[in-house]
PDB file of all heavy atoms in Angstrom:
ATOM      1  N   PHE A   1     -50.198 -26.837  38.617  1.00  0.00           N
ATOM      2  CA  PHE A   1     -49.304 -27.727  39.320  1.00  0.00           C
ATOM      3  C   PHE A   1     -50.124 -28.849  40.069  1.00  0.00           C
ATOM      4  O   PHE A   1     -49.719 -30.112  40.190  1.00  0.00           O
ATOM      5  CB  PHE A   1     -48.406 -26.971  40.287  1.00  0.00           C
ATOM      6  CG  PHE A   1     -47.417 -26.222  39.531  1.00  0.00           C
ATOM      7  CD1 PHE A   1     -47.453 -24.776  39.652  1.00  0.00           C
ATOM      8  CD2 PHE A   1     -46.352 -26.809  38.977  1.00  0.00           C
ATOM      9  CE1 PHE A   1     -46.508 -24.076  38.885  1.00  0.00           C
ATOM     10  CE2 PHE A   1     -45.359 -26.044  38.239  1.00  0.00           C
ATOM     11  CZ  PHE A   1     -45.505 -24.736  38.203  1.00  0.00           C
ATOM     12  N   THR A   2     -51.239 -28.415  40.725  1.00  0.00           N
ATOM     13  CA  THR A   2     -52.073 -29.383  41.319  1.00  0.00           C
ATOM     14  C   THR A   2     -52.591 -30.470  40.413  1.00  0.00           C
ATOM     15  O   THR A   2     -52.589 -31.660  40.563  1.00  0.00           O
ATOM     16  CB  THR A   2     -53.292 -28.755  42.092  1.00  0.00           C
ATOM     17  OG1 THR A   2     -52.781 -27.676  42.973  1.00  0.00           O
ATOM     18  CG2 THR A   2     -54.144 -29.635  42.805  1.00  0.00           C
ATOM     19  N   GLN A   3     -53.104 -30.030  39.149  1.00  0.00           N
ATOM     20  CA  GLN A   3     -53.570 -30.897  38.147  1.00  0.00           C
ATOM     21  C   GLN A   3     -52.433 -31.859  37.733  1.00  0.00           C
ATOM     22  O   GLN A   3     -52.552 -32.997  37.549  1.00  0.00           O
ATOM     23  CB  GLN A   3     -54.191 -30.084  37.053  1.00  0.00           C
ATOM     24  CG  GLN A   3     -54.638 -30.908  35.806  1.00  0.00           C
ATOM     25  CD  GLN A   3     -55.295 -30.064  34.761  1.00  0.00           C
ATOM     26  OE1 GLN A   3     -54.942 -28.882  34.697  1.00  0.00           O
ATOM     27  NE2 GLN A   3     -55.959 -30.583  33.842  1.00  0.00           N
ATOM     28  N   LEU A   4     -51.080 -31.254  37.636  1.00  0.00           N
ATOM     29  CA  LEU A   4     -50.038 -32.146  37.249  1.00  0.00           C
ATOM     30  C   LEU A   4     -49.824 -33.135  38.317  1.00  0.00           C
ATOM     31  O   LEU A   4     -49.553 -34.284  37.919  1.00  0.00           O
ATOM     32  CB  LEU A   4     -48.765 -31.193  37.016  1.00  0.00           C
ATOM     33  CG  LEU A   4     -47.520 -31.876  36.474  1.00  0.00           C
ATOM     34  CD1 LEU A   4     -47.801 -32.564  35.157  1.00  0.00           C
ATOM     35  CD2 LEU A   4     -46.437 -30.951  36.487  1.00  0.00           C
ATOM     36  N   ARG A   5     -49.836 -32.749  39.546  1.00  0.00           N
ATOM     37  CA  ARG A   5     -49.561 -33.821  40.730  1.00  0.00           C
ATOM     38  C   ARG A   5     -50.514 -34.848  40.634  1.00  0.00           C
ATOM     39  O   ARG A   5     -50.219 -36.054  40.747  1.00  0.00           O
ATOM     40  CB  ARG A   5     -49.486 -33.008  41.891  1.00  0.00           C
ATOM     41  CG  ARG A   5     -48.271 -32.801  42.670  1.00  0.00           C
ATOM     42  CD  ARG A   5     -48.428 -32.365  44.096  1.00  0.00           C
ATOM     43  NE  ARG A   5     -49.558 -31.478  44.346  1.00  0.00           N
ATOM     44  CZ  ARG A   5     -49.412 -30.124  44.242  1.00  0.00           C
ATOM     45  NH1 ARG A   5     -48.340 -29.479  43.881  1.00  0.00           N
ATOM     46  NH2 ARG A   5     -50.426 -29.411  44.575  1.00  0.00           N
ATOM     47  N   GLU A   6     -51.734 -34.448  40.645  1.00  0.00           N
ATOM     48  CA  GLU A   6     -52.891 -35.432  40.546  1.00  0.00           C
ATOM     49  C   GLU A   6     -52.794 -36.373  39.299  1.00  0.00           C
ATOM     50  O   GLU A   6     -53.098 -37.563  39.346  1.00  0.00           O
ATOM     51  CB  GLU A   6     -54.315 -34.775  40.629  1.00  0.00           C
ATOM     52  CG  GLU A   6     -54.509 -34.067  41.987  1.00  0.00           C
ATOM     53  CD  GLU A   6     -54.372 -34.917  43.183  1.00  0.00           C
ATOM     54  OE1 GLU A   6     -54.855 -36.168  43.070  1.00  0.00           O
ATOM     55  OE2 GLU A   6     -53.752 -34.481  44.084  1.00  0.00           O
ATOM     56  N   GLY A   7     -52.400 -35.769  38.197  1.00  0.00           N
ATOM     57  CA  GLY A   7     -52.240 -36.591  37.011  1.00  0.00           C
ATOM     58  C   GLY A   7     -51.155 -37.651  37.210  1.00  0.00           C
ATOM     59  O   GLY A   7     -51.253 -38.724  36.690  1.00  0.00           O
ATOM     60  N   LEU A   8     -49.990 -37.169  37.752  1.00  0.00           N
ATOM     61  CA  LEU A   8     -49.024 -38.227  38.036  1.00  0.00           C
ATOM     62  C   LEU A   8     -49.518 -39.229  39.032  1.00  0.00           C
ATOM     63  O   LEU A   8     -49.029 -40.483  38.783  1.00  0.00           O
ATOM     64  CB  LEU A   8     -47.872 -37.361  38.522  1.00  0.00           C
ATOM     65  CG  LEU A   8     -47.000 -36.554  37.565  1.00  0.00           C
ATOM     66  CD1 LEU A   8     -46.012 -35.775  38.192  1.00  0.00           C
ATOM     67  CD2 LEU A   8     -46.441 -37.457  36.408  1.00  0.00           C
ATOM     68  N   ARG A   9     -50.221 -38.982  40.044  1.00  0.00           N
ATOM     69  CA  ARG A   9     -50.605 -39.949  40.931  1.00  0.00           C
ATOM     70  C   ARG A   9     -51.584 -40.816  40.183  1.00  0.00           C
ATOM     71  O   ARG A   9     -51.533 -42.233  40.458  1.00  0.00           O
ATOM     72  CB  ARG A   9     -51.480 -39.291  42.104  1.00  0.00           C
ATOM     73  CG  ARG A   9     -50.534 -38.623  43.126  1.00  0.00           C
ATOM     74  CD  ARG A   9     -51.405 -38.090  44.275  1.00  0.00           C
ATOM     75  NE  ARG A   9     -50.594 -37.400  45.175  1.00  0.00           N
ATOM     76  CZ  ARG A   9     -51.044 -36.553  45.947  1.00  0.00           C
ATOM     77  NH1 ARG A   9     -52.517 -36.197  45.998  1.00  0.00           N
ATOM     78  NH2 ARG A   9     -50.271 -35.765  46.744  1.00  0.00           N
ATOM     79  N   ALA A  10     -52.495 -40.449  39.331  1.00  0.00           N
ATOM     80  CA  ALA A  10     -53.378 -41.316  38.645  1.00  0.00           C
ATOM     81  C   ALA A  10     -52.632 -42.184  37.699  1.00  0.00           C
ATOM     82  O   ALA A  10     -52.895 -43.499  37.532  1.00  0.00           O
ATOM     83  CB  ALA A  10     -54.434 -40.482  37.849  1.00  0.00           C
ATOM     84  N   ARG A  11     -51.474 -41.612  37.087  1.00  0.00           N
ATOM     85  CA  ARG A  11     -50.633 -42.453  36.221  1.00  0.00           C
ATOM     86  C   ARG A  11     -49.962 -43.682  37.001  1.00  0.00           C
ATOM     87  O   ARG A  11     -49.888 -44.700  36.554  1.00  0.00           O
ATOM     88  CB  ARG A  11     -49.605 -41.669  35.571  1.00  0.00           C
ATOM     89  CG  ARG A  11     -48.885 -42.252  34.551  1.00  0.00           C
ATOM     90  CD  ARG A  11     -49.704 -42.497  33.267  1.00  0.00           C
ATOM     91  NE  ARG A  11     -49.005 -42.754  32.173  1.00  0.00           N
ATOM     92  CZ  ARG A  11     -49.355 -43.401  31.211  1.00  0.00           C
ATOM     93  NH1 ARG A  11     -50.647 -43.752  30.962  1.00  0.00           N
ATOM     94  NH2 ARG A  11     -48.617 -43.714  30.107  1.00  0.00           N
ATOM     95  N   GLN A  12     -49.551 -43.240  38.266  1.00  0.00           N
ATOM     96  CA  GLN A  12     -48.729 -44.311  38.945  1.00  0.00           C
ATOM     97  C   GLN A  12     -49.923 -45.390  39.474  1.00  0.00           C
ATOM     98  O   GLN A  12     -49.586 -46.606  39.609  1.00  0.00           O
ATOM     99  CB  GLN A  12     -48.226 -43.618  40.274  1.00  0.00           C
ATOM    100  CG  GLN A  12     -47.030 -42.809  40.025  1.00  0.00           C
ATOM    101  CD  GLN A  12     -45.890 -43.605  39.469  1.00  0.00           C
ATOM    102  OE1 GLN A  12     -45.711 -44.750  39.795  1.00  0.00           O
ATOM    103  NE2 GLN A  12     -45.078 -43.009  38.540  1.00  0.00           N
ATOM    104  N   ALA A  13     -51.102 -44.906  39.785  1.00  0.00           N
ATOM    105  CA  ALA A  13     -52.189 -45.860  40.046  1.00  0.00           C
ATOM    106  C   ALA A  13     -52.488 -46.897  39.039  1.00  0.00           C
ATOM    107  O   ALA A  13     -52.734 -48.184  39.206  1.00  0.00           O
ATOM    108  CB  ALA A  13     -53.274 -45.249  40.502  1.00  0.00           C
ATOM    109  N   LEU A  14     -52.523 -46.305  37.724  1.00  0.00           N
ATOM    110  CA  LEU A  14     -52.566 -47.116  36.531  1.00  0.00           C
ATOM    111  C   LEU A  14     -51.619 -48.079  36.361  1.00  0.00           C
ATOM    112  O   LEU A  14     -51.809 -49.320  36.029  1.00  0.00           O
ATOM    113  CB  LEU A  14     -52.922 -46.275  35.314  1.00  0.00           C
ATOM    114  CG  LEU A  14     -54.182 -45.557  35.185  1.00  0.00           C
ATOM    115  CD1 LEU A  14     -54.086 -44.589  34.088  1.00  0.00           C
ATOM    116  CD2 LEU A  14     -55.248 -46.385  35.036  1.00  0.00           C
ATOM    117  N   ILE A  15     -50.330 -47.774  36.661  1.00  0.00           N
ATOM    118  CA  ILE A  15     -49.191 -48.635  36.528  1.00  0.00           C
ATOM    119  C   ILE A  15     -49.325 -49.826  37.663  1.00  0.00           C
ATOM    120  O   ILE A  15     -49.076 -51.008  37.195  1.00  0.00           O
ATOM    121  CB  ILE A  15     -47.817 -47.825  36.728  1.00  0.00           C
ATOM    122  CG1 ILE A  15     -47.676 -46.929  35.497  1.00  0.00           C
ATOM    123  CG2 ILE A  15     -46.645 -48.840  36.822  1.00  0.00           C
ATOM    124  CD1 ILE A  15     -46.501 -45.970  35.648  1.00  0.00           C
ATOM    125  N   ARG A  16     -49.664 -49.398  38.714  1.00  0.00           N
ATOM    126  CA  ARG A  16     -49.943 -50.449  39.871  1.00  0.00           C
ATOM    127  C   ARG A  16     -50.936 -51.400  39.429  1.00  0.00           C
ATOM    128  O   ARG A  16     -50.833 -52.655  39.659  1.00  0.00           O
ATOM    129  CB  ARG A  16     -50.244 -49.769  41.163  1.00  0.00           C
ATOM    130  CG  ARG A  16     -48.937 -49.255  41.873  1.00  0.00           C
ATOM    131  CD  ARG A  16     -49.330 -48.886  43.442  1.00  0.00           C
ATOM    132  NE  ARG A  16     -50.426 -48.102  43.495  1.00  0.00           N
ATOM    133  CZ  ARG A  16     -50.493 -46.742  43.612  1.00  0.00           C
ATOM    134  NH1 ARG A  16     -49.337 -46.131  43.419  1.00  0.00           N
ATOM    135  NH2 ARG A  16     -51.583 -46.033  43.864  1.00  0.00           N
ATOM    136  N   VAL A  17     -52.069 -50.934  38.887  1.00  0.00           N
ATOM    137  CA  VAL A  17     -53.122 -51.894  38.469  1.00  0.00           C
ATOM    138  C   VAL A  17     -52.687 -52.756  37.337  1.00  0.00           C
ATOM    139  O   VAL A  17     -52.875 -53.969  37.273  1.00  0.00           O
ATOM    140  CB  VAL A  17     -54.322 -50.976  37.965  1.00  0.00           C
ATOM    141  CG1 VAL A  17     -55.450 -51.892  37.191  1.00  0.00           C
ATOM    142  CG2 VAL A  17     -54.985 -50.359  39.204  1.00  0.00           C
ATOM    143  N   ALA A  18     -51.933 -52.132  36.283  1.00  0.00           N
ATOM    144  CA  ALA A  18     -51.382 -52.969  35.233  1.00  0.00           C
ATOM    145  C   ALA A  18     -50.449 -54.042  35.749  1.00  0.00           C
ATOM    146  O   ALA A  18     -50.365 -55.125  35.313  1.00  0.00           O
ATOM    147  CB  ALA A  18     -50.743 -52.172  34.267  1.00  0.00           C
ATOM    148  N   LYS A  19     -49.583 -53.703  36.817  1.00  0.00           N
ATOM    149  CA  LYS A  19     -48.558 -54.804  37.290  1.00  0.00           C
ATOM    150  C   LYS A  19     -49.467 -55.811  38.031  1.00  0.00           C
ATOM    151  O   LYS A  19     -49.038 -56.923  38.131  1.00  0.00           O
ATOM    152  CB  LYS A  19     -47.694 -53.971  38.230  1.00  0.00           C
ATOM    153  CG  LYS A  19     -46.578 -53.353  37.546  1.00  0.00           C
ATOM    154  CD  LYS A  19     -45.611 -52.679  38.529  1.00  0.00           C
ATOM    155  CE  LYS A  19     -44.556 -51.926  37.879  1.00  0.00           C
ATOM    156  NZ  LYS A  19     -43.593 -51.383  38.777  1.00  0.00           N
ATOM    157  N   SER A  20     -50.545 -55.470  38.683  1.00  0.00           N
ATOM    158  CA  SER A  20     -51.354 -56.415  39.575  1.00  0.00           C
ATOM    159  C   SER A  20     -51.975 -57.477  38.526  1.00  0.00           C
ATOM    160  O   SER A  20     -52.351 -58.420  39.102  1.00  0.00           O
ATOM    161  CB  SER A  20     -52.359 -55.679  40.414  1.00  0.00           C
ATOM    162  OG  SER A  20     -53.409 -55.217  39.647  1.00  0.00           O
ATOM    163  N   ASP A  21     -52.247 -57.200  37.329  1.00  0.00           N
ATOM    164  CA  ASP A  21     -52.901 -58.075  36.362  1.00  0.00           C
ATOM    165  C   ASP A  21     -51.899 -59.298  36.130  1.00  0.00           C
ATOM    166  O   ASP A  21     -52.407 -60.344  35.687  1.00  0.00           O
ATOM    167  CB  ASP A  21     -53.115 -57.335  35.059  1.00  0.00           C
ATOM    168  CG  ASP A  21     -54.349 -56.453  35.143  1.00  0.00           C
ATOM    169  OD1 ASP A  21     -55.061 -56.576  36.056  1.00  0.00           O
ATOM    170  OD2 ASP A  21     -54.538 -55.629  34.294  1.00  0.00           O
ATOM    171  N   TYR A  22     -50.632 -59.217  36.361  1.00  0.00           N
ATOM    172  CA  TYR A  22     -49.707 -60.295  36.271  1.00  0.00           C
ATOM    173  C   TYR A  22     -49.790 -61.431  37.327  1.00  0.00           C
ATOM    174  O   TYR A  22     -49.343 -62.460  37.133  1.00  0.00           O
ATOM    175  CB  TYR A  22     -48.371 -59.812  36.027  1.00  0.00           C
ATOM    176  CG  TYR A  22     -47.985 -59.028  34.907  1.00  0.00           C
ATOM    177  CD1 TYR A  22     -47.598 -57.720  34.980  1.00  0.00           C
ATOM    178  CD2 TYR A  22     -48.084 -59.599  33.713  1.00  0.00           C
ATOM    179  CE1 TYR A  22     -47.369 -56.983  33.859  1.00  0.00           C
ATOM    180  CE2 TYR A  22     -47.773 -59.005  32.499  1.00  0.00           C
ATOM    181  CZ  TYR A  22     -47.416 -57.609  32.579  1.00  0.00           C
ATOM    182  OH  TYR A  22     -47.180 -56.902  31.533  1.00  0.00           O
ATOM    183  N   TYR A  23     -50.395 -60.978  38.510  1.00  0.00           N
ATOM    184  CA  TYR A  23     -50.538 -61.955  39.516  1.00  0.00           C
ATOM    185  C   TYR A  23     -51.899 -62.321  39.792  1.00  0.00           C
ATOM    186  O   TYR A  23     -52.924 -61.639  39.380  1.00  0.00           O
ATOM    187  CB  TYR A  23     -50.129 -61.165  40.922  1.00  0.00           C
ATOM    188  CG  TYR A  23     -48.826 -60.596  40.750  1.00  0.00           C
ATOM    189  CD1 TYR A  23     -48.505 -59.381  40.634  1.00  0.00           C
ATOM    190  CD2 TYR A  23     -47.629 -61.486  40.874  1.00  0.00           C
ATOM    191  CE1 TYR A  23     -47.146 -58.781  40.603  1.00  0.00           C
ATOM    192  CE2 TYR A  23     -46.339 -61.054  40.785  1.00  0.00           C
ATOM    193  CZ  TYR A  23     -46.148 -59.641  40.696  1.00  0.00           C
ATOM    194  OH  TYR A  23     -44.832 -59.147  40.605  1.00  0.00           O
ATOM    195  N   PRO A  24     -52.046 -63.619  40.197  1.00  0.00           N
ATOM    196  CA  PRO A  24     -53.432 -64.026  40.355  1.00  0.00           C
ATOM    197  C   PRO A  24     -54.194 -63.462  41.583  1.00  0.00           C
ATOM    198  O   PRO A  24     -53.498 -62.919  42.490  1.00  0.00           O
ATOM    199  CB  PRO A  24     -53.273 -65.682  40.633  1.00  0.00           C
ATOM    200  CG  PRO A  24     -51.943 -65.793  41.148  1.00  0.00           C
ATOM    201  CD  PRO A  24     -51.109 -64.625  40.532  1.00  0.00           C
ATOM    202  N   THR A  25     -55.546 -63.383  41.540  1.00  0.00           N
ATOM    203  CA  THR A  25     -56.210 -62.849  42.586  1.00  0.00           C
ATOM    204  C   THR A  25     -57.027 -63.847  43.281  1.00  0.00           C
ATOM    205  O   THR A  25     -57.795 -64.648  42.592  1.00  0.00           O
ATOM    206  CB  THR A  25     -57.245 -61.646  42.041  1.00  0.00           C
ATOM    207  OG1 THR A  25     -56.461 -60.896  41.297  1.00  0.00           O
ATOM    208  CG2 THR A  25     -57.986 -61.098  43.171  1.00  0.00           C
ATOM    209  N   PHE A  26     -56.867 -63.973  44.507  1.00  0.00           N
ATOM    210  CA  PHE A  26     -57.634 -64.946  45.318  1.00  0.00           C
ATOM    211  C   PHE A  26     -58.483 -64.269  46.359  1.00  0.00           C
ATOM    212  O   PHE A  26     -58.223 -63.209  46.788  1.00  0.00           O
ATOM    213  CB  PHE A  26     -56.657 -65.893  46.193  1.00  0.00           C
ATOM    214  CG  PHE A  26     -55.696 -66.741  45.342  1.00  0.00           C
ATOM    215  CD1 PHE A  26     -54.483 -66.414  45.257  1.00  0.00           C
ATOM    216  CD2 PHE A  26     -56.172 -67.816  44.618  1.00  0.00           C
ATOM    217  CE1 PHE A  26     -53.558 -67.056  44.406  1.00  0.00           C
ATOM    218  CE2 PHE A  26     -55.363 -68.437  43.852  1.00  0.00           C
ATOM    219  CZ  PHE A  26     -54.047 -68.178  43.791  1.00  0.00           C
ATOM    220  N   PHE A  27     -59.573 -64.807  46.613  1.00  0.00           N
ATOM    221  CA  PHE A  27     -60.480 -64.251  47.615  1.00  0.00           C
ATOM    222  C   PHE A  27     -61.284 -65.468  48.407  1.00  0.00           C
ATOM    223  O   PHE A  27     -61.392 -66.474  47.855  1.00  0.00           O
ATOM    224  CB  PHE A  27     -61.426 -63.232  47.002  1.00  0.00           C
ATOM    225  CG  PHE A  27     -62.444 -63.802  46.257  1.00  0.00           C
ATOM    226  CD1 PHE A  27     -63.681 -64.340  46.736  1.00  0.00           C
ATOM    227  CD2 PHE A  27     -62.275 -64.039  44.809  1.00  0.00           C
ATOM    228  CE1 PHE A  27     -64.679 -64.908  45.886  1.00  0.00           C
ATOM    229  CE2 PHE A  27     -63.347 -64.545  44.017  1.00  0.00           C
ATOM    230  CZ  PHE A  27     -64.515 -64.992  44.573  1.00  0.00           C
ATOM    231  N   ALA A  28     -61.661 -65.042  49.455  1.00  0.00           N
ATOM    232  CA  ALA A  28     -62.455 -66.006  50.364  1.00  0.00           C
ATOM    233  C   ALA A  28     -63.579 -65.184  51.071  1.00  0.00           C
ATOM    234  O   ALA A  28     -63.289 -64.040  51.573  1.00  0.00           O
ATOM    235  CB  ALA A  28     -61.561 -66.783  51.287  1.00  0.00           C
ATOM    236  N   ALA A  29     -64.755 -65.733  51.070  1.00  0.00           N
ATOM    237  CA  ALA A  29     -65.818 -65.034  51.888  1.00  0.00           C
ATOM    238  C   ALA A  29     -66.576 -65.981  52.542  1.00  0.00           C
ATOM    239  O   ALA A  29     -66.747 -67.242  52.297  1.00  0.00           O
ATOM    240  CB  ALA A  29     -66.727 -64.276  50.884  1.00  0.00           C
ATOM    241  N   PHE A  30     -67.226 -65.571  53.720  1.00  0.00           N
ATOM    242  CA  PHE A  30     -68.096 -66.402  54.516  1.00  0.00           C
ATOM    243  C   PHE A  30     -69.406 -65.685  54.831  1.00  0.00           C
ATOM    244  O   PHE A  30     -69.350 -64.533  55.027  1.00  0.00           O
ATOM    245  CB  PHE A  30     -67.219 -66.572  56.043  1.00  0.00           C
ATOM    246  CG  PHE A  30     -68.056 -67.472  56.902  1.00  0.00           C
ATOM    247  CD1 PHE A  30     -68.195 -68.811  56.686  1.00  0.00           C
ATOM    248  CD2 PHE A  30     -68.802 -66.936  58.028  1.00  0.00           C
ATOM    249  CE1 PHE A  30     -68.831 -69.613  57.508  1.00  0.00           C
ATOM    250  CE2 PHE A  30     -69.423 -67.717  58.862  1.00  0.00           C
ATOM    251  CZ  PHE A  30     -69.508 -69.042  58.546  1.00  0.00           C
ATOM    252  N   TYR A  31     -70.390 -66.363  54.808  1.00  0.00           N
ATOM    253  CA  TYR A  31     -71.760 -65.858  54.883  1.00  0.00           C
ATOM    254  C   TYR A  31     -72.488 -66.603  56.033  1.00  0.00           C
ATOM    255  O   TYR A  31     -72.418 -67.751  56.116  1.00  0.00           O
ATOM    256  CB  TYR A  31     -72.505 -66.052  53.584  1.00  0.00           C
ATOM    257  CG  TYR A  31     -73.926 -65.755  53.646  1.00  0.00           C
ATOM    258  CD1 TYR A  31     -74.325 -64.339  53.628  1.00  0.00           C
ATOM    259  CD2 TYR A  31     -74.948 -66.681  53.771  1.00  0.00           C
ATOM    260  CE1 TYR A  31     -75.768 -64.040  53.756  1.00  0.00           C
ATOM    261  CE2 TYR A  31     -76.374 -66.366  53.815  1.00  0.00           C
ATOM    262  CZ  TYR A  31     -76.696 -65.026  53.758  1.00  0.00           C
ATOM    263  OH  TYR A  31     -78.038 -64.653  53.793  1.00  0.00           O
ATOM    264  N   LEU A  32     -73.013 -65.817  56.902  1.00  0.00           N
ATOM    265  CA  LEU A  32     -73.836 -66.380  58.114  1.00  0.00           C
ATOM    266  C   LEU A  32     -75.066 -65.627  58.200  1.00  0.00           C
ATOM    267  O   LEU A  32     -75.002 -64.360  58.207  1.00  0.00           O
ATOM    268  CB  LEU A  32     -72.977 -66.186  59.401  1.00  0.00           C
ATOM    269  CG  LEU A  32     -73.691 -66.474  60.611  1.00  0.00           C
ATOM    270  CD1 LEU A  32     -73.967 -67.947  60.550  1.00  0.00           C
ATOM    271  CD2 LEU A  32     -73.004 -66.082  61.920  1.00  0.00           C
ATOM    272  N   SER A  33     -76.244 -66.259  58.210  1.00  0.00           N
ATOM    273  CA  SER A  33     -77.482 -65.695  58.425  1.00  0.00           C
ATOM    274  C   SER A  33     -78.088 -66.536  59.603  1.00  0.00           C
ATOM    275  O   SER A  33     -78.380 -67.685  59.411  1.00  0.00           O
ATOM    276  CB  SER A  33     -78.270 -65.650  57.220  1.00  0.00           C
ATOM    277  OG  SER A  33     -79.636 -65.126  57.515  1.00  0.00           O
ATOM    278  N   TYR A  34     -78.396 -65.631  60.850  1.00  0.00           N
ATOM    279  CA  TYR A  34     -78.818 -66.285  62.023  1.00  0.00           C
ATOM    280  C   TYR A  34     -80.051 -65.604  62.472  1.00  0.00           C
ATOM    281  O   TYR A  34     -79.964 -64.296  62.668  1.00  0.00           O
ATOM    282  CB  TYR A  34     -77.585 -66.225  63.028  1.00  0.00           C
ATOM    283  CG  TYR A  34     -77.983 -66.844  64.365  1.00  0.00           C
ATOM    284  CD1 TYR A  34     -78.265 -68.184  64.517  1.00  0.00           C
ATOM    285  CD2 TYR A  34     -78.161 -65.936  65.439  1.00  0.00           C
ATOM    286  CE1 TYR A  34     -78.524 -68.696  65.734  1.00  0.00           C
ATOM    287  CE2 TYR A  34     -78.509 -66.463  66.740  1.00  0.00           C
ATOM    288  CZ  TYR A  34     -78.733 -67.958  66.776  1.00  0.00           C
ATOM    289  OH  TYR A  34     -79.001 -68.427  68.050  1.00  0.00           O
ATOM    290  N   ALA A  35     -81.161 -66.157  62.596  1.00  0.00           N
ATOM    291  CA  ALA A  35     -82.338 -65.409  63.153  1.00  0.00           C
ATOM    292  C   ALA A  35     -83.012 -66.510  64.125  1.00  0.00           C
ATOM    293  O   ALA A  35     -83.344 -67.632  63.772  1.00  0.00           O
ATOM    294  CB  ALA A  35     -83.313 -65.167  61.990  1.00  0.00           C
ATOM    295  N   VAL A  36     -83.271 -65.929  65.342  1.00  0.00           N
ATOM    296  CA  VAL A  36     -83.921 -66.781  66.347  1.00  0.00           C
ATOM    297  C   VAL A  36     -85.055 -65.819  67.004  1.00  0.00           C
ATOM    298  O   VAL A  36     -84.850 -64.763  67.339  1.00  0.00           O
ATOM    299  CB  VAL A  36     -82.962 -67.134  67.393  1.00  0.00           C
ATOM    300  CG1 VAL A  36     -83.694 -67.800  68.603  1.00  0.00           C
ATOM    301  CG2 VAL A  36     -81.847 -68.013  66.956  1.00  0.00           C
ATOM    302  N   SER A  37     -86.335 -66.461  66.905  1.00  0.00           N
ATOM    303  CA  SER A  37     -87.345 -65.798  67.518  1.00  0.00           C
ATOM    304  C   SER A  37     -87.932 -66.548  68.676  1.00  0.00           C
ATOM    305  O   SER A  37     -88.241 -67.850  68.453  1.00  0.00           O
ATOM    306  CB  SER A  37     -88.516 -65.504  66.461  1.00  0.00           C
ATOM    307  OG  SER A  37     -89.633 -64.831  66.877  1.00  0.00           O
ATOM    308  N   SER A  38     -88.200 -65.888  69.786  1.00  0.00           N
ATOM    309  CA  SER A  38     -88.517 -66.706  70.958  1.00  0.00           C
ATOM    310  C   SER A  38     -90.098 -67.148  70.964  1.00  0.00           C
ATOM    311  O   SER A  38     -90.447 -68.144  71.630  1.00  0.00           O
ATOM    312  CB  SER A  38     -88.244 -65.786  72.265  1.00  0.00           C
ATOM    313  OG  SER A  38     -89.104 -64.669  72.199  1.00  0.00           O
ATOM    314  N   ASN A  39     -90.835 -66.645  70.094  1.00  0.00           N
ATOM    315  CA  ASN A  39     -92.306 -66.928  70.187  1.00  0.00           C
ATOM    316  C   ASN A  39     -92.547 -67.865  68.991  1.00  0.00           C
ATOM    317  O   ASN A  39     -93.671 -68.089  68.580  1.00  0.00           O
ATOM    318  CB  ASN A  39     -93.040 -65.748  70.049  1.00  0.00           C
ATOM    319  CG  ASN A  39     -92.934 -64.884  68.748  1.00  0.00           C
ATOM    320  OD1 ASN A  39     -92.034 -65.097  68.008  1.00  0.00           O
ATOM    321  ND2 ASN A  39     -93.778 -63.913  68.504  1.00  0.00           N
ATOM    322  N   ARG A  40     -91.578 -68.551  68.269  1.00  0.00           N
ATOM    323  CA  ARG A  40     -91.901 -69.473  67.269  1.00  0.00           C
ATOM    324  C   ARG A  40     -91.125 -70.737  67.512  1.00  0.00           C
ATOM    325  O   ARG A  40     -90.031 -70.827  68.114  1.00  0.00           O
ATOM    326  CB  ARG A  40     -91.266 -68.891  66.019  1.00  0.00           C
ATOM    327  CG  ARG A  40     -92.102 -67.706  65.322  1.00  0.00           C
ATOM    328  CD  ARG A  40     -91.519 -67.371  64.110  1.00  0.00           C
ATOM    329  NE  ARG A  40     -92.253 -66.233  63.533  1.00  0.00           N
ATOM    330  CZ  ARG A  40     -93.023 -66.194  62.461  1.00  0.00           C
ATOM    331  NH1 ARG A  40     -93.355 -67.457  61.964  1.00  0.00           N
ATOM    332  NH2 ARG A  40     -93.653 -65.130  62.062  1.00  0.00           N
ATOM    333  N   ASP A  41     -91.691 -71.838  67.100  1.00  0.00           N
ATOM    334  CA  ASP A  41     -91.178 -73.274  67.262  1.00  0.00           C
ATOM    335  C   ASP A  41     -90.475 -73.530  65.863  1.00  0.00           C
ATOM    336  O   ASP A  41     -90.488 -72.947  64.896  1.00  0.00           O
ATOM    337  CB  ASP A  41     -92.287 -74.253  67.225  1.00  0.00           C
ATOM    338  CG  ASP A  41     -93.106 -74.091  68.520  1.00  0.00           C
ATOM    339  OD1 ASP A  41     -92.640 -73.627  69.504  1.00  0.00           O
ATOM    340  OD2 ASP A  41     -94.367 -74.494  68.468  1.00  0.00           O
TER     341      ASP A  41
END
């Protein structure tokens, strides 16, 4: 029964992934690198 429950959960996750393929995916990322050393010019 545990295997059956987990299999149904996996199936539902696959269905959600297949439905999400119909929608566009957008993302935004920001990168910051900051280094200050007091003994350097």
